[in-house]
Each structure stands twice: as structure tokens, then as C-alpha cells.
Amino acid sequence: MMVHIHLLGYLTRYSPTGQEKFQMDLAPGATVGALLGKIGFPSGIEKMILVNGRQSNPATLLGEEDEVFVFSPATGG
């Protein structure tokens, strides 16, 4: 199944294409965690994940043509 991924801000450095937006073909039933593992995204990095505009986590199941956004959470004071 084809999934659309957006790695925003400095997280673009973890994109296998070097681009902020790219696509990946995943096996049916894949999770966000499997996707992140497939691209070699470091597990210790703080991140926010949205799938189709909804807050998600590594256990979230993905579907055909899903849009996955991964970005750094806002910090500061």
C-alpha cells in the first residue's frame, strides 16, 4: 500500500530521499512504528505524529494513501 510521508523541519534529514515529502510502499497492516523503522528514523527523538490530520502514535495502523506527518513538538516558554 502506498503511504505519503512528510518529515517537517530538521526531521527532513531522516528522509531517505532528502526531501520533506516522499512516498513509501508498505505491506498491508503496517504501523507508523514500522514505517519509521523502515526509513531508519531514530527512536529516541521527540516527535509528534499525525495520520490524516489526527494525532497518532507508533502503534497506529496505516491504510492505503494515508498522509503521515512527523514533526518536532513545540517547546520553550
N, C-alpha and C. Protein backbone atom coordinates (compact mmCIF):
# COMPACT_ATOMS: atom_id res chain seq x y z
N MET A 1 0.85 -1.18 0.00
CA MET A 1 0.00 0.00 0.00
C MET A 1 0.89 1.23 0.00
N MET A 2 0.47 2.25 -0.70
CA MET A 2 1.25 3.48 -0.81
C MET A 2 0.85 4.45 0.31
N VAL A 3 1.86 5.01 0.99
CA VAL A 3 1.66 5.96 2.07
C VAL A 3 2.48 7.21 1.76
N HIS A 4 1.94 8.38 2.07
CA HIS A 4 2.61 9.66 1.83
C HIS A 4 3.16 10.17 3.16
N ILE A 5 4.45 10.47 3.19
CA ILE A 5 5.11 10.87 4.43
C ILE A 5 5.66 12.28 4.29
N HIS A 6 5.52 13.05 5.36
CA HIS A 6 6.06 14.41 5.45
C HIS A 6 6.92 14.47 6.70
N LEU A 7 8.22 14.66 6.55
CA LEU A 7 9.12 14.87 7.68
C LEU A 7 9.44 16.35 7.71
N LEU A 8 8.92 17.06 8.70
CA LEU A 8 8.98 18.52 8.72
C LEU A 8 10.16 19.06 9.52
N GLY A 9 10.60 20.25 9.14
CA GLY A 9 11.68 20.93 9.85
C GLY A 9 12.98 20.16 9.77
N TYR A 10 13.70 20.15 10.90
CA TYR A 10 15.00 19.48 10.89
C TYR A 10 14.87 17.96 10.73
N LEU A 11 13.67 17.41 10.88
CA LEU A 11 13.48 15.97 10.73
C LEU A 11 13.61 15.52 9.28
N THR A 12 13.62 16.47 8.35
CA THR A 12 13.82 16.13 6.94
C THR A 12 15.13 15.38 6.74
N ARG A 13 16.09 15.60 7.62
CA ARG A 13 17.40 14.92 7.48
C ARG A 13 17.26 13.39 7.54
N TYR A 14 16.15 12.91 8.08
CA TYR A 14 15.93 11.46 8.17
C TYR A 14 15.15 10.90 6.98
N SER A 15 14.84 11.74 6.02
CA SER A 15 14.13 11.30 4.83
C SER A 15 15.07 10.50 3.93
N PRO A 16 14.65 9.33 3.47
CA PRO A 16 15.51 8.54 2.58
C PRO A 16 15.73 9.21 1.23
N THR A 17 14.89 10.17 0.87
CA THR A 17 15.04 10.87 -0.41
C THR A 17 15.71 12.23 -0.24
N GLY A 18 15.87 12.67 1.01
CA GLY A 18 16.40 14.01 1.25
C GLY A 18 15.35 15.09 1.10
N GLN A 19 14.13 14.70 0.79
CA GLN A 19 13.03 15.64 0.59
C GLN A 19 12.08 15.59 1.78
N GLU A 20 11.39 16.70 2.01
CA GLU A 20 10.41 16.77 3.09
C GLU A 20 9.24 15.80 2.86
N LYS A 21 8.81 15.67 1.62
CA LYS A 21 7.67 14.81 1.28
C LYS A 21 8.14 13.69 0.37
N PHE A 22 7.72 12.47 0.70
CA PHE A 22 8.05 11.32 -0.14
C PHE A 22 6.98 10.25 0.07
N GLN A 23 7.03 9.22 -0.74
CA GLN A 23 6.07 8.12 -0.65
C GLN A 23 6.81 6.83 -0.38
N MET A 24 6.12 5.91 0.28
CA MET A 24 6.68 4.58 0.52
C MET A 24 5.61 3.54 0.30
N ASP A 25 6.04 2.41 -0.20
CA ASP A 25 5.15 1.27 -0.37
C ASP A 25 5.35 0.36 0.84
N LEU A 26 4.28 0.14 1.60
CA LEU A 26 4.34 -0.68 2.81
C LEU A 26 3.40 -1.87 2.68
N ALA A 27 3.69 -2.89 3.46
CA ALA A 27 2.80 -4.06 3.49
C ALA A 27 1.48 -3.68 4.16
N PRO A 28 0.39 -4.25 3.72
CA PRO A 28 -0.90 -4.00 4.39
C PRO A 28 -0.80 -4.34 5.88
N GLY A 29 -1.41 -3.51 6.71
CA GLY A 29 -1.37 -3.71 8.15
C GLY A 29 -0.16 -3.11 8.83
N ALA A 30 0.66 -2.37 8.08
CA ALA A 30 1.84 -1.73 8.66
C ALA A 30 1.42 -0.64 9.64
N THR A 31 2.26 -0.40 10.62
CA THR A 31 2.02 0.64 11.62
C THR A 31 2.95 1.83 11.37
N VAL A 32 2.67 2.92 12.05
CA VAL A 32 3.56 4.08 11.99
C VAL A 32 4.95 3.68 12.46
N GLY A 33 5.03 2.88 13.52
CA GLY A 33 6.33 2.43 14.03
C GLY A 33 7.11 1.64 12.99
N ALA A 34 6.42 0.77 12.24
CA ALA A 34 7.09 0.01 11.18
C ALA A 34 7.60 0.94 10.09
N LEU A 35 6.81 1.95 9.75
CA LEU A 35 7.23 2.94 8.76
C LEU A 35 8.48 3.65 9.23
N LEU A 36 8.47 4.14 10.47
CA LEU A 36 9.63 4.86 10.99
C LEU A 36 10.86 3.96 11.04
N GLY A 37 10.67 2.70 11.40
CA GLY A 37 11.79 1.75 11.40
C GLY A 37 12.33 1.51 10.01
N LYS A 38 11.45 1.42 9.03
CA LYS A 38 11.87 1.16 7.65
C LYS A 38 12.74 2.29 7.10
N ILE A 39 12.46 3.53 7.50
CA ILE A 39 13.27 4.65 7.00
C ILE A 39 14.47 4.93 7.90
N GLY A 40 14.61 4.19 9.01
CA GLY A 40 15.75 4.38 9.90
C GLY A 40 15.63 5.59 10.80
N PHE A 41 14.40 6.00 11.10
CA PHE A 41 14.17 7.16 11.97
C PHE A 41 14.57 6.77 13.39
N PRO A 42 15.46 7.55 14.04
CA PRO A 42 15.92 7.21 15.39
C PRO A 42 14.77 7.19 16.40
N SER A 43 14.71 6.16 17.21
CA SER A 43 13.59 6.00 18.15
C SER A 43 13.62 6.99 19.31
N GLY A 44 14.78 7.53 19.66
CA GLY A 44 14.88 8.41 20.81
C GLY A 44 14.52 9.86 20.56
N ILE A 45 14.15 10.21 19.36
CA ILE A 45 13.85 11.61 19.03
C ILE A 45 12.41 11.93 19.39
N GLU A 46 12.22 13.05 20.12
CA GLU A 46 10.87 13.51 20.44
C GLU A 46 10.18 13.93 19.15
N LYS A 47 8.93 13.50 19.00
CA LYS A 47 8.22 13.80 17.76
C LYS A 47 6.72 13.80 17.99
N MET A 48 6.03 14.52 17.14
CA MET A 48 4.58 14.47 17.06
C MET A 48 4.25 13.77 15.75
N ILE A 49 3.21 12.96 15.77
CA ILE A 49 2.81 12.21 14.58
C ILE A 49 1.34 12.47 14.31
N LEU A 50 1.04 12.85 13.09
CA LEU A 50 -0.34 12.97 12.64
C LEU A 50 -0.56 12.03 11.47
N VAL A 51 -1.66 11.30 11.49
CA VAL A 51 -2.06 10.47 10.35
C VAL A 51 -3.42 10.99 9.90
N ASN A 52 -3.44 11.50 8.69
CA ASN A 52 -4.67 12.09 8.14
C ASN A 52 -5.24 13.16 9.06
N GLY A 53 -4.34 13.96 9.66
CA GLY A 53 -4.75 15.08 10.49
C GLY A 53 -5.10 14.73 11.93
N ARG A 54 -4.95 13.47 12.31
CA ARG A 54 -5.29 13.05 13.67
C ARG A 54 -4.03 12.64 14.41
N GLN A 55 -3.91 13.09 15.67
CA GLN A 55 -2.74 12.73 16.47
C GLN A 55 -2.66 11.21 16.57
N SER A 56 -1.45 10.70 16.38
CA SER A 56 -1.24 9.26 16.31
C SER A 56 -0.01 8.88 17.10
N ASN A 57 0.31 7.59 17.10
CA ASN A 57 1.49 7.08 17.79
C ASN A 57 2.06 5.92 16.98
N PRO A 58 3.20 5.37 17.40
CA PRO A 58 3.82 4.30 16.61
C PRO A 58 2.94 3.06 16.40
N ALA A 59 1.95 2.83 17.26
CA ALA A 59 1.09 1.66 17.11
C ALA A 59 -0.07 1.88 16.14
N THR A 60 -0.23 3.09 15.64
CA THR A 60 -1.34 3.41 14.73
C THR A 60 -1.20 2.62 13.43
N LEU A 61 -2.27 1.94 13.04
CA LEU A 61 -2.28 1.20 11.77
C LEU A 61 -2.43 2.18 10.61
N LEU A 62 -1.73 1.90 9.53
CA LEU A 62 -1.80 2.73 8.34
C LEU A 62 -2.64 2.06 7.27
N GLY A 63 -3.22 2.89 6.41
CA GLY A 63 -4.01 2.40 5.29
C GLY A 63 -3.54 3.00 3.99
N GLU A 64 -4.05 2.47 2.90
CA GLU A 64 -3.71 2.94 1.55
C GLU A 64 -3.92 4.45 1.44
N GLU A 65 -2.92 5.15 0.91
CA GLU A 65 -2.96 6.59 0.64
C GLU A 65 -3.03 7.47 1.90
N ASP A 66 -2.70 6.91 3.07
CA ASP A 66 -2.66 7.74 4.28
C ASP A 66 -1.58 8.80 4.16
N GLU A 67 -1.81 9.93 4.84
CA GLU A 67 -0.84 11.04 4.92
C GLU A 67 -0.28 11.04 6.33
N VAL A 68 1.03 10.87 6.45
CA VAL A 68 1.69 10.83 7.75
C VAL A 68 2.60 12.05 7.87
N PHE A 69 2.38 12.83 8.92
CA PHE A 69 3.22 13.99 9.20
C PHE A 69 3.99 13.72 10.48
N VAL A 70 5.31 13.93 10.44
CA VAL A 70 6.15 13.78 11.62
C VAL A 70 6.90 15.09 11.80
N PHE A 71 6.79 15.66 13.00
CA PHE A 71 7.44 16.95 13.25
C PHE A 71 7.85 17.04 14.71
N SER A 72 8.72 17.99 14.98
CA SER A 72 9.21 18.23 16.33
C SER A 72 8.15 18.97 17.13
N PRO A 73 7.89 18.55 18.39
CA PRO A 73 6.91 19.27 19.19
C PRO A 73 7.43 20.66 19.54
N ALA A 74 6.51 21.61 19.70
CA ALA A 74 6.88 22.96 20.09
C ALA A 74 7.37 22.95 21.54
N THR A 75 8.45 23.67 21.78
CA THR A 75 8.99 23.77 23.14
C THR A 75 9.33 25.22 23.42
N GLY A 76 9.62 25.49 24.63
CA GLY A 76 10.02 26.84 25.01
C GLY A 76 9.06 27.42 26.02
N GLY A 77 9.27 28.68 26.32
CA GLY A 77 8.42 29.25 27.35
C GLY A 77 8.17 30.70 27.18
